Amino acid sequence: MIEAVLADTKRGVPISAISARFHNALAESIVAVARRVGQERVALSGGCFQNRYLTERAVWGLRTAGSALTGISECRQRRRDCPGSNHCCRA
Protein backbone atom coordinates (compact mmCIF):
# COMPACT_ATOMS: atom_id res chain seq x y z
CA MET A 1 0.00 0.00 0.00
CA ILE A 2 2.83 2.40 0.83
CA GLU A 3 4.57 1.56 -2.44
CA ALA A 4 1.37 2.45 -4.30
CA VAL A 5 1.20 5.82 -2.51
CA LEU A 6 4.82 6.56 -3.42
CA ALA A 7 4.32 5.49 -7.04
CA ASP A 8 1.19 7.64 -7.36
CA THR A 9 3.05 10.60 -5.88
CA LYS A 10 5.87 10.22 -8.40
CA ARG A 11 3.33 10.05 -11.25
CA GLY A 12 1.68 13.27 -10.08
CA VAL A 13 -1.65 11.71 -9.09
CA PRO A 14 -3.72 14.27 -7.13
CA ILE A 15 -3.41 13.98 -3.36
CA SER A 16 -7.18 13.57 -3.03
CA ALA A 17 -7.10 10.48 -5.26
CA ILE A 18 -4.12 9.02 -3.39
CA SER A 19 -5.87 9.60 -0.07
CA ALA A 20 -9.11 7.98 -1.26
CA ARG A 21 -7.24 4.92 -2.56
CA PHE A 22 -5.31 4.59 0.71
CA HIS A 23 -8.39 4.84 2.90
CA ASN A 24 -10.39 2.51 0.63
CA ALA A 25 -7.61 -0.07 0.91
CA LEU A 26 -7.66 0.22 4.72
CA ALA A 27 -11.44 -0.21 4.80
CA GLU A 28 -11.20 -3.24 2.50
CA SER A 29 -8.56 -4.72 4.81
CA ILE A 30 -10.86 -4.32 7.82
CA VAL A 31 -13.63 -6.19 6.01
CA ALA A 32 -11.21 -8.90 4.83
CA VAL A 33 -9.93 -9.52 8.36
CA ALA A 34 -13.49 -9.67 9.75
CA ARG A 35 -14.39 -12.28 7.13
CA ARG A 36 -11.20 -14.27 7.66
CA VAL A 37 -11.56 -14.58 11.43
CA GLY A 38 -15.31 -15.20 11.22
CA GLN A 39 -16.28 -12.99 14.12
CA GLU A 40 -19.82 -11.66 14.45
CA ARG A 41 -18.63 -8.79 16.64
CA VAL A 42 -16.24 -6.18 15.28
CA ALA A 43 -14.71 -3.46 17.45
CA LEU A 44 -13.37 -0.39 15.68
CA SER A 45 -11.08 1.39 18.09
CA GLY A 46 -8.42 4.04 17.96
CA GLY A 47 -7.78 7.51 16.65
CA CYS A 48 -7.86 6.51 12.98
CA PHE A 49 -11.63 6.08 13.29
CA GLN A 50 -11.98 9.81 13.90
CA ASN A 51 -11.42 9.96 10.15
CA ARG A 52 -15.00 10.09 8.92
CA TYR A 53 -14.24 8.79 5.44
CA LEU A 54 -12.40 5.73 6.74
CA THR A 55 -15.07 4.96 9.32
CA GLU A 56 -17.93 5.31 6.86
CA ARG A 57 -16.19 3.12 4.28
CA ALA A 58 -15.36 0.45 6.88
CA VAL A 59 -18.91 0.40 8.24
CA TRP A 60 -20.35 0.28 4.71
CA GLY A 61 -18.03 -2.59 3.83
CA LEU A 62 -18.93 -4.51 6.97
CA ARG A 63 -22.63 -4.04 6.30
CA THR A 64 -22.38 -5.23 2.70
CA ALA A 65 -19.92 -8.06 3.31
CA GLY A 66 -22.67 -10.63 3.26
CA SER A 67 -22.33 -11.33 6.95
CA ALA A 68 -24.31 -10.26 9.98
CA LEU A 69 -22.12 -7.29 10.89
CA THR A 70 -23.63 -3.94 11.83
CA GLY A 71 -22.23 -0.44 11.85
CA ILE A 72 -20.96 1.90 14.53
CA SER A 73 -23.84 4.35 14.37
CA GLU A 74 -26.36 1.56 14.96
CA CYS A 75 -24.40 0.35 17.97
CA ARG A 76 -24.27 3.83 19.42
CA GLN A 77 -28.02 4.20 18.96
CA ARG A 78 -28.61 0.91 20.74
CA ARG A 79 -26.02 1.82 23.41
CA ARG A 80 -24.24 -1.47 22.91
CA ASP A 81 -20.69 -0.22 23.19
CA CYS A 82 -18.16 -2.81 24.24
CA PRO A 83 -16.15 -2.27 27.40
CA GLY A 84 -12.64 -1.15 26.58
CA SER A 85 -13.24 -0.08 23.00
CA ASN A 86 -14.27 3.18 21.39
CA HIS A 87 -16.85 1.62 19.10
CA CYS A 88 -18.42 -1.78 18.91
CA CYS A 89 -20.55 -3.53 16.38
CA ARG A 90 -22.56 -6.65 17.07
CA ALA A 91 -24.47 -9.04 14.92
C-alpha atoms as a PDB file:
ATOM      1  CA  MET A   1       0.000   0.000   0.000  1.00  0.00           C
ATOM      2  CA  ILE A   2       2.833   2.403   0.835  1.00  0.00           C
ATOM      3  CA  GLU A   3       4.567   1.561  -2.438  1.00  0.00           C
ATOM      4  CA  ALA A   4       1.366   2.454  -4.300  1.00  0.00           C
ATOM      5  CA  VAL A   5       1.202   5.817  -2.513  1.00  0.00           C
ATOM      6  CA  LEU A   6       4.817   6.562  -3.424  1.00  0.00           C
ATOM      7  CA  ALA A   7       4.321   5.489  -7.041  1.00  0.00           C
ATOM      8  CA  ASP A   8       1.190   7.642  -7.362  1.00  0.00           C
ATOM      9  CA  THR A   9       3.048  10.603  -5.876  1.00  0.00           C
ATOM     10  CA  LYS A  10       5.868  10.220  -8.402  1.00  0.00           C
ATOM     11  CA  ARG A  11       3.326  10.047 -11.252  1.00  0.00           C
ATOM     12  CA  GLY A  12       1.680  13.269 -10.079  1.00  0.00           C
ATOM     13  CA  VAL A  13      -1.652  11.714  -9.085  1.00  0.00           C
ATOM     14  CA  PRO A  14      -3.720  14.272  -7.134  1.00  0.00           C
ATOM     15  CA  ILE A  15      -3.409  13.979  -3.356  1.00  0.00           C
ATOM     16  CA  SER A  16      -7.182  13.574  -3.026  1.00  0.00           C
ATOM     17  CA  ALA A  17      -7.096  10.479  -5.255  1.00  0.00           C
ATOM     18  CA  ILE A  18      -4.117   9.016  -3.387  1.00  0.00           C
ATOM     19  CA  SER A  19      -5.866   9.600  -0.068  1.00  0.00           C
ATOM     20  CA  ALA A  20      -9.105   7.980  -1.258  1.00  0.00           C
ATOM     21  CA  ARG A  21      -7.240   4.922  -2.558  1.00  0.00           C
ATOM     22  CA  PHE A  22      -5.309   4.585   0.705  1.00  0.00           C
ATOM     23  CA  HIS A  23      -8.392   4.839   2.896  1.00  0.00           C
ATOM     24  CA  ASN A  24     -10.394   2.511   0.634  1.00  0.00           C
ATOM     25  CA  ALA A  25      -7.612  -0.067   0.913  1.00  0.00           C
ATOM     26  CA  LEU A  26      -7.657   0.223   4.717  1.00  0.00           C
ATOM     27  CA  ALA A  27     -11.440  -0.211   4.800  1.00  0.00           C
ATOM     28  CA  GLU A  28     -11.195  -3.238   2.499  1.00  0.00           C
ATOM     29  CA  SER A  29      -8.558  -4.717   4.810  1.00  0.00           C
ATOM     30  CA  ILE A  30     -10.858  -4.322   7.818  1.00  0.00           C
ATOM     31  CA  VAL A  31     -13.631  -6.191   6.007  1.00  0.00           C
ATOM     32  CA  ALA A  32     -11.213  -8.904   4.828  1.00  0.00           C
ATOM     33  CA  VAL A  33      -9.932  -9.518   8.360  1.00  0.00           C
ATOM     34  CA  ALA A  34     -13.486  -9.672   9.755  1.00  0.00           C
ATOM     35  CA  ARG A  35     -14.386 -12.276   7.126  1.00  0.00           C
ATOM     36  CA  ARG A  36     -11.202 -14.266   7.657  1.00  0.00           C
ATOM     37  CA  VAL A  37     -11.560 -14.575  11.428  1.00  0.00           C
ATOM     38  CA  GLY A  38     -15.307 -15.199  11.216  1.00  0.00           C
ATOM     39  CA  GLN A  39     -16.278 -12.991  14.122  1.00  0.00           C
ATOM     40  CA  GLU A  40     -19.815 -11.661  14.448  1.00  0.00           C
ATOM     41  CA  ARG A  41     -18.632  -8.787  16.644  1.00  0.00           C
ATOM     42  CA  VAL A  42     -16.241  -6.177  15.277  1.00  0.00           C
ATOM     43  CA  ALA A  43     -14.712  -3.456  17.452  1.00  0.00           C
ATOM     44  CA  LEU A  44     -13.366  -0.390  15.675  1.00  0.00           C
ATOM     45  CA  SER A  45     -11.080   1.390  18.090  1.00  0.00           C
ATOM     46  CA  GLY A  46      -8.417   4.042  17.961  1.00  0.00           C
ATOM     47  CA  GLY A  47      -7.780   7.514  16.650  1.00  0.00           C
ATOM     48  CA  CYS A  48      -7.864   6.506  12.983  1.00  0.00           C
ATOM     49  CA  PHE A  49     -11.628   6.084  13.287  1.00  0.00           C
ATOM     50  CA  GLN A  50     -11.981   9.808  13.900  1.00  0.00           C
ATOM     51  CA  ASN A  51     -11.423   9.955  10.150  1.00  0.00           C
ATOM     52  CA  ARG A  52     -14.997  10.090   8.918  1.00  0.00           C
ATOM     53  CA  TYR A  53     -14.244   8.789   5.438  1.00  0.00           C
ATOM     54  CA  LEU A  54     -12.397   5.727   6.745  1.00  0.00           C
ATOM     55  CA  THR A  55     -15.065   4.963   9.324  1.00  0.00           C
ATOM     56  CA  GLU A  56     -17.933   5.310   6.856  1.00  0.00           C
ATOM     57  CA  ARG A  57     -16.185   3.119   4.279  1.00  0.00           C
ATOM     58  CA  ALA A  58     -15.355   0.451   6.879  1.00  0.00           C
ATOM     59  CA  VAL A  59     -18.910   0.400   8.235  1.00  0.00           C
ATOM     60  CA  TRP A  60     -20.355   0.281   4.707  1.00  0.00           C
ATOM     61  CA  GLY A  61     -18.034  -2.587   3.831  1.00  0.00           C
ATOM     62  CA  LEU A  62     -18.930  -4.509   6.970  1.00  0.00           C
ATOM     63  CA  ARG A  63     -22.634  -4.036   6.298  1.00  0.00           C
ATOM     64  CA  THR A  64     -22.383  -5.228   2.705  1.00  0.00           C
ATOM     65  CA  ALA A  65     -19.920  -8.063   3.309  1.00  0.00           C
ATOM     66  CA  GLY A  66     -22.666 -10.628   3.256  1.00  0.00           C
ATOM     67  CA  SER A  67     -22.327 -11.326   6.947  1.00  0.00           C
ATOM     68  CA  ALA A  68     -24.308 -10.256   9.976  1.00  0.00           C
ATOM     69  CA  LEU A  69     -22.122  -7.292  10.892  1.00  0.00           C
ATOM     70  CA  THR A  70     -23.634  -3.945  11.832  1.00  0.00           C
ATOM     71  CA  GLY A  71     -22.231  -0.435  11.849  1.00  0.00           C
ATOM     72  CA  ILE A  72     -20.961   1.896  14.529  1.00  0.00           C
ATOM     73  CA  SER A  73     -23.842   4.345  14.371  1.00  0.00           C
ATOM     74  CA  GLU A  74     -26.358   1.562  14.960  1.00  0.00           C
ATOM     75  CA  CYS A  75     -24.403   0.346  17.968  1.00  0.00           C
ATOM     76  CA  ARG A  76     -24.272   3.832  19.419  1.00  0.00           C
ATOM     77  CA  GLN A  77     -28.017   4.196  18.956  1.00  0.00           C
ATOM     78  CA  ARG A  78     -28.607   0.909  20.737  1.00  0.00           C
ATOM     79  CA  ARG A  79     -26.022   1.825  23.413  1.00  0.00           C
ATOM     80  CA  ARG A  80     -24.241  -1.468  22.911  1.00  0.00           C
ATOM     81  CA  ASP A  81     -20.686  -0.217  23.192  1.00  0.00           C
ATOM     82  CA  CYS A  82     -18.157  -2.814  24.236  1.00  0.00           C
ATOM     83  CA  PRO A  83     -16.149  -2.273  27.396  1.00  0.00           C
ATOM     84  CA  GLY A  84     -12.642  -1.150  26.583  1.00  0.00           C
ATOM     85  CA  SER A  85     -13.244  -0.075  22.997  1.00  0.00           C
ATOM     86  CA  ASN A  86     -14.270   3.181  21.390  1.00  0.00           C
ATOM     87  CA  HIS A  87     -16.854   1.624  19.099  1.00  0.00           C
ATOM     88  CA  CYS A  88     -18.416  -1.779  18.911  1.00  0.00           C
ATOM     89  CA  CYS A  89     -20.552  -3.525  16.378  1.00  0.00           C
ATOM     90  CA  ARG A  90     -22.557  -6.647  17.067  1.00  0.00           C
ATOM     91  CA  ALA A  91     -24.468  -9.042  14.917  1.00  0.00           C
END
